[in-house]
Amino acid sequence: MFAAALFVKIVYRIAAFLATGVTLVGVSYAYQYLRKQGFFDAVLGPGPQAD
């Protein structure tokens, strides 16, 4: 019984780690895509201009 609970705990921890990684990679790709498309310039306006 103890071994099964430990196995479930380990599998849950690995699944949570993978889900977190996939989420972070997805957010990163979405950010890069939107930045390339000019989404942030359209929403926030142009950034400070270098003189």
PDB file of N, CA and C in Angstrom:
ATOM      1  N   MET A   1       0.826  -1.201   0.000  1.00  0.00           N
ATOM      2  CA  MET A   1       0.000   0.000   0.000  1.00  0.00           C
ATOM      3  C   MET A   1       0.861   1.252   0.000  1.00  0.00           C
ATOM      4  N   PHE A   2       1.913   1.245   0.846  1.00  0.00           N
ATOM      5  CA  PHE A   2       2.811   2.400   0.925  1.00  0.00           C
ATOM      6  C   PHE A   2       3.542   2.635  -0.395  1.00  0.00           C
ATOM      7  N   ALA A   3       3.928   1.529  -1.057  1.00  0.00           N
ATOM      8  CA  ALA A   3       4.648   1.652  -2.328  1.00  0.00           C
ATOM      9  C   ALA A   3       3.765   2.266  -3.401  1.00  0.00           C
ATOM     10  N   ALA A   4       2.484   1.908  -3.409  1.00  0.00           N
ATOM     11  CA  ALA A   4       1.565   2.459  -4.397  1.00  0.00           C
ATOM     12  C   ALA A   4       1.370   3.961  -4.172  1.00  0.00           C
ATOM     13  N   ALA A   5       1.261   4.369  -2.913  1.00  0.00           N
ATOM     14  CA  ALA A   5       1.094   5.791  -2.605  1.00  0.00           C
ATOM     15  C   ALA A   5       2.344   6.566  -2.997  1.00  0.00           C
ATOM     16  N   LEU A   6       3.507   5.983  -2.750  1.00  0.00           N
ATOM     17  CA  LEU A   6       4.755   6.643  -3.128  1.00  0.00           C
ATOM     18  C   LEU A   6       4.862   6.760  -4.643  1.00  0.00           C
ATOM     19  N   PHE A   7       4.460   5.710  -5.352  1.00  0.00           N
ATOM     20  CA  PHE A   7       4.487   5.731  -6.817  1.00  0.00           C
ATOM     21  C   PHE A   7       3.581   6.826  -7.349  1.00  0.00           C
ATOM     22  N   VAL A   8       2.376   6.940  -6.803  1.00  0.00           N
ATOM     23  CA  VAL A   8       1.437   7.972  -7.243  1.00  0.00           C
ATOM     24  C   VAL A   8       2.018   9.357  -6.971  1.00  0.00           C
ATOM     25  N   LYS A   9       2.652   9.521  -5.828  1.00  0.00           N
ATOM     26  CA  LYS A   9       3.250  10.811  -5.478  1.00  0.00           C
ATOM     27  C   LYS A   9       4.359  11.179  -6.467  1.00  0.00           C
ATOM     28  N   ILE A  10       5.196  10.210  -6.821  1.00  0.00           N
ATOM     29  CA  ILE A  10       6.285  10.463  -7.769  1.00  0.00           C
ATOM     30  C   ILE A  10       5.732  10.789  -9.147  1.00  0.00           C
ATOM     31  N   VAL A  11       4.750  10.026  -9.605  1.00  0.00           N
ATOM     32  CA  VAL A  11       4.162  10.269 -10.921  1.00  0.00           C
ATOM     33  C   VAL A  11       3.490  11.637 -10.949  1.00  0.00           C
ATOM     34  N   TYR A  12       2.795  11.996  -9.885  1.00  0.00           N
ATOM     35  CA  TYR A  12       2.138  13.301  -9.811  1.00  0.00           C
ATOM     36  C   TYR A  12       3.175  14.415  -9.874  1.00  0.00           C
ATOM     37  N   ARG A  13       4.280  14.244  -9.171  1.00  0.00           N
ATOM     38  CA  ARG A  13       5.328  15.267  -9.165  1.00  0.00           C
ATOM     39  C   ARG A  13       5.944  15.426 -10.554  1.00  0.00           C
ATOM     40  N   ILE A  14       6.189  14.316 -11.242  1.00  0.00           N
ATOM     41  CA  ILE A  14       6.741  14.376 -12.600  1.00  0.00           C
ATOM     42  C   ILE A  14       5.744  15.028 -13.548  1.00  0.00           C
ATOM     43  N   ALA A  15       4.474  14.660 -13.434  1.00  0.00           N
ATOM     44  CA  ALA A  15       3.452  15.252 -14.303  1.00  0.00           C
ATOM     45  C   ALA A  15       3.321  16.750 -14.056  1.00  0.00           C
ATOM     46  N   ALA A  16       3.379  17.173 -12.815  1.00  0.00           N
ATOM     47  CA  ALA A  16       3.299  18.606 -12.498  1.00  0.00           C
ATOM     48  C   ALA A  16       4.507  19.343 -13.061  1.00  0.00           C
ATOM     49  N   PHE A  17       5.680  18.746 -12.970  1.00  0.00           N
ATOM     50  CA  PHE A  17       6.883  19.356 -13.523  1.00  0.00           C
ATOM     51  C   PHE A  17       6.763  19.517 -15.035  1.00  0.00           C
ATOM     52  N   LEU A  18       6.311  18.463 -15.715  1.00  0.00           N
ATOM     53  CA  LEU A  18       6.164  18.526 -17.175  1.00  0.00           C
ATOM     54  C   LEU A  18       5.098  19.532 -17.585  1.00  0.00           C
ATOM     55  N   ALA A  19       3.993  19.569 -16.857  1.00  0.00           N
ATOM     56  CA  ALA A  19       2.928  20.526 -17.177  1.00  0.00           C
ATOM     57  C   ALA A  19       3.418  21.956 -16.999  1.00  0.00           C
ATOM     58  N   THR A  20       4.196  22.198 -15.953  1.00  0.00           N
ATOM     59  CA  THR A  20       4.754  23.535 -15.746  1.00  0.00           C
ATOM     60  C   THR A  20       5.704  23.902 -16.875  1.00  0.00           C
ATOM     61  N   GLY A  21       6.547  22.977 -17.276  1.00  0.00           N
ATOM     62  CA  GLY A  21       7.481  23.228 -18.371  1.00  0.00           C
ATOM     63  C   GLY A  21       6.775  23.514 -19.676  1.00  0.00           C
ATOM     64  N   VAL A  22       5.773  22.723 -19.992  1.00  0.00           N
ATOM     65  CA  VAL A  22       5.019  22.921 -21.232  1.00  0.00           C
ATOM     66  C   VAL A  22       4.313  24.276 -21.203  1.00  0.00           C
ATOM     67  N   THR A  23       3.761  24.650 -20.057  1.00  0.00           N
ATOM     68  CA  THR A  23       3.087  25.941 -19.932  1.00  0.00           C
ATOM     69  C   THR A  23       4.068  27.086 -20.144  1.00  0.00           C
ATOM     70  N   LEU A  24       5.226  27.011 -19.521  1.00  0.00           N
ATOM     71  CA  LEU A  24       6.215  28.083 -19.670  1.00  0.00           C
ATOM     72  C   LEU A  24       6.719  28.197 -21.105  1.00  0.00           C
ATOM     73  N   VAL A  25       6.960  27.079 -21.752  1.00  0.00           N
ATOM     74  CA  VAL A  25       7.400  27.103 -23.151  1.00  0.00           C
ATOM     75  C   VAL A  25       6.297  27.675 -24.036  1.00  0.00           C
ATOM     76  N   GLY A  26       5.050  27.298 -23.778  1.00  0.00           N
ATOM     77  CA  GLY A  26       3.930  27.823 -24.556  1.00  0.00           C
ATOM     78  C   GLY A  26       3.776  29.320 -24.402  1.00  0.00           C
ATOM     79  N   VAL A  27       3.902  29.817 -23.177  1.00  0.00           N
ATOM     80  CA  VAL A  27       3.807  31.259 -22.948  1.00  0.00           C
ATOM     81  C   VAL A  27       4.961  31.977 -23.641  1.00  0.00           C
ATOM     82  N   SER A  28       6.145  31.393 -23.600  1.00  0.00           N
ATOM     83  CA  SER A  28       7.297  31.997 -24.253  1.00  0.00           C
ATOM     84  C   SER A  28       7.093  32.082 -25.761  1.00  0.00           C
ATOM     85  N   TYR A  29       6.623  31.005 -26.379  1.00  0.00           N
ATOM     86  CA  TYR A  29       6.372  31.024 -27.814  1.00  0.00           C
ATOM     87  C   TYR A  29       5.271  32.023 -28.168  1.00  0.00           C
ATOM     88  N   ALA A  30       4.214  32.082 -27.359  1.00  0.00           N
ATOM     89  CA  ALA A  30       3.140  33.036 -27.619  1.00  0.00           C
ATOM     90  C   ALA A  30       3.664  34.466 -27.537  1.00  0.00           C
ATOM     91  N   TYR A  31       4.493  34.750 -26.540  1.00  0.00           N
ATOM     92  CA  TYR A  31       5.067  36.089 -26.399  1.00  0.00           C
ATOM     93  C   TYR A  31       5.921  36.447 -27.610  1.00  0.00           C
ATOM     94  N   GLN A  32       6.785  35.526 -28.019  1.00  0.00           N
ATOM     95  CA  GLN A  32       7.651  35.801 -29.170  1.00  0.00           C
ATOM     96  C   GLN A  32       6.832  36.016 -30.436  1.00  0.00           C
ATOM     97  N   TYR A  33       5.798  35.215 -30.637  1.00  0.00           N
ATOM     98  CA  TYR A  33       4.945  35.351 -31.817  1.00  0.00           C
ATOM     99  C   TYR A  33       4.232  36.701 -31.809  1.00  0.00           C
ATOM    100  N   LEU A  34       3.631  37.056 -30.674  1.00  0.00           N
ATOM    101  CA  LEU A  34       2.901  38.323 -30.592  1.00  0.00           C
ATOM    102  C   LEU A  34       3.844  39.513 -30.728  1.00  0.00           C
ATOM    103  N   ARG A  35       5.035  39.410 -30.170  1.00  0.00           N
ATOM    104  CA  ARG A  35       6.004  40.499 -30.295  1.00  0.00           C
ATOM    105  C   ARG A  35       6.411  40.669 -31.751  1.00  0.00           C
ATOM    106  N   LYS A  36       6.614  39.560 -32.456  1.00  0.00           N
ATOM    107  CA  LYS A  36       6.997  39.614 -33.867  1.00  0.00           C
ATOM    108  C   LYS A  36       5.879  40.211 -34.716  1.00  0.00           C
ATOM    109  N   GLN A  37       4.631  39.960 -34.331  1.00  0.00           N
ATOM    110  CA  GLN A  37       3.482  40.478 -35.070  1.00  0.00           C
ATOM    111  C   GLN A  37       3.187  41.944 -34.748  1.00  0.00           C
ATOM    112  N   GLY A  38       3.877  42.518 -33.769  1.00  0.00           N
ATOM    113  CA  GLY A  38       3.662  43.908 -33.402  1.00  0.00           C
ATOM    114  C   GLY A  38       2.486  44.114 -32.467  1.00  0.00           C
ATOM    115  N   PHE A  39       2.071  43.070 -31.786  1.00  0.00           N
ATOM    116  CA  PHE A  39       0.908  43.154 -30.902  1.00  0.00           C
ATOM    117  C   PHE A  39       1.131  44.150 -29.772  1.00  0.00           C
ATOM    118  N   PHE A  40       2.305  44.118 -29.162  1.00  0.00           N
ATOM    119  CA  PHE A  40       2.550  44.967 -27.994  1.00  0.00           C
ATOM    120  C   PHE A  40       2.688  46.434 -28.377  1.00  0.00           C
ATOM    121  N   ASP A  41       3.244  46.690 -29.570  1.00  0.00           N
ATOM    122  CA  ASP A  41       3.304  48.080 -30.034  1.00  0.00           C
ATOM    123  C   ASP A  41       1.910  48.627 -30.290  1.00  0.00           C
ATOM    124  N   ALA A  42       1.021  47.784 -30.809  1.00  0.00           N
ATOM    125  CA  ALA A  42      -0.346  48.221 -31.075  1.00  0.00           C
ATOM    126  C   ALA A  42      -1.106  48.470 -29.799  1.00  0.00           C
ATOM    127  N   VAL A  43      -0.881  47.657 -28.777  1.00  0.00           N
ATOM    128  CA  VAL A  43      -1.611  47.779 -27.522  1.00  0.00           C
ATOM    129  C   VAL A  43      -1.003  48.849 -26.635  1.00  0.00           C
ATOM    130  N   LEU A  44       0.311  48.830 -26.477  1.00  0.00           N
ATOM    131  CA  LEU A  44       0.963  49.720 -25.521  1.00  0.00           C
ATOM    132  C   LEU A  44       1.517  50.995 -26.160  1.00  0.00           C
ATOM    133  N   GLY A  45       1.582  51.048 -27.465  1.00  0.00           N
ATOM    134  CA  GLY A  45       2.199  52.177 -28.132  1.00  0.00           C
ATOM    135  C   GLY A  45       3.683  51.940 -28.271  1.00  0.00           C
ATOM    136  N   PRO A  46       4.359  52.768 -29.060  1.00  0.00           N
ATOM    137  CA  PRO A  46       5.800  52.568 -29.240  1.00  0.00           C
ATOM    138  C   PRO A  46       6.548  52.837 -27.942  1.00  0.00           C
ATOM    139  N   GLY A  47       7.660  52.185 -27.789  1.00  0.00           N
ATOM    140  CA  GLY A  47       8.490  52.365 -26.609  1.00  0.00           C
ATOM    141  C   GLY A  47       9.220  53.692 -26.655  1.00  0.00           C
ATOM    142  N   PRO A  48      10.034  53.954 -25.651  1.00  0.00           N
ATOM    143  CA  PRO A  48      10.786  55.220 -25.647  1.00  0.00           C
ATOM    144  C   PRO A  48      11.757  55.277 -26.831  1.00  0.00           C
ATOM    145  N   GLN A  49      11.842  56.410 -27.434  1.00  0.00           N
ATOM    146  CA  GLN A  49      12.691  56.603 -28.615  1.00  0.00           C
ATOM    147  C   GLN A  49      14.095  56.960 -28.185  1.00  0.00           C
ATOM    148  N   ALA A  50      15.083  56.308 -28.783  1.00  0.00           N
ATOM    149  CA  ALA A  50      16.479  56.627 -28.497  1.00  0.00           C
ATOM    150  C   ALA A  50      16.870  57.838 -29.335  1.00  0.00           C
ATOM    151  N   ASP A  51      17.481  58.792 -28.702  1.00  0.00           N
ATOM    152  CA  ASP A  51      17.900  60.009 -29.434  1.00  0.00           C
ATOM    153  C   ASP A  51      19.327  59.896 -29.902  1.00  0.00           C
TER     154      ASP A  51
END
